[in-house]
């Protein structure tokens, strides 16, 4: 696979960082898309205004959610955080999360789209439940709170599409372009929102998936008390924001659900996440 980039110095520096990170991950047992090198050992070939990168094709499919794949994905993320803890990376503000609060305008668009399908008291109650959760989440994830979370090198986009599997094994971690300085909790919450929460509102299944993911992640890195308390709020913020953006992007339907159905799902999921957050705070 040939990828092309501009020869802008900033873009080339970012690409070289990704190559160093790719080599580091491979050396520590995490599979990545192999970068071909020239005879001189270069992973980038510059031709005029273009830079070329040659990646080996990886024979695999995006992750399908099973008990086995969840355990593998969780341990891989924990390994990523552990082995890259001290890996040199470009400086950036670790507390500047991609999603630390749900944009009000995006959530308002989702709510108004759902109202257009039927403005009912049930919908109002669902909106209130989500809004109350997001209010509590904003307090748990404010600027000062994020200063208590451990930082290091994070992947930045840990979801099933970036995890290729073949015959039940992880064969490649893809897309290192968002990797950089960050809170480990941001990576973990985004992973759980995508792999454990997105497709169900069944409390038993939510609990089973989340516990399995956390148990396997913590084989490599243990969460602090502050991270445990904030985790489920962070998961909810990531999840609601992603759904709101995708509703806009895909014209009203995401994963087969209309806006009104997403309001129902999000209300149920946020209720469960809020209960888990309170249990984590009080160790119950």
Foldseek 3Di string as FASTA:
>chain_A
DKDKDFVPVVVVVLVVVVLVLQVLCVVLPAAAFDWDADPVRDQWDDDPGMIMTDTDDDPFAFDDFDLLSLLQLLLSQLSSCQSQQPPDFDDDDQLPAPFQAAPPVLVVVLLVQLVVVPNDVVSVVLVVLLVVLRVVLCVLSPSVLQVPADKGKHQRQRARRQFTDDPSHTNHRDDSSRIGIYGSLLRVLLHCLHRQQQPDLPLVSSVVSVVSSQVSSVVRPDGDLSSQLNNLSSNLRNNVNVVSVVCVVVVADDPRDGSNVVSVSSSSSSVSSVVSSVCSNVVD
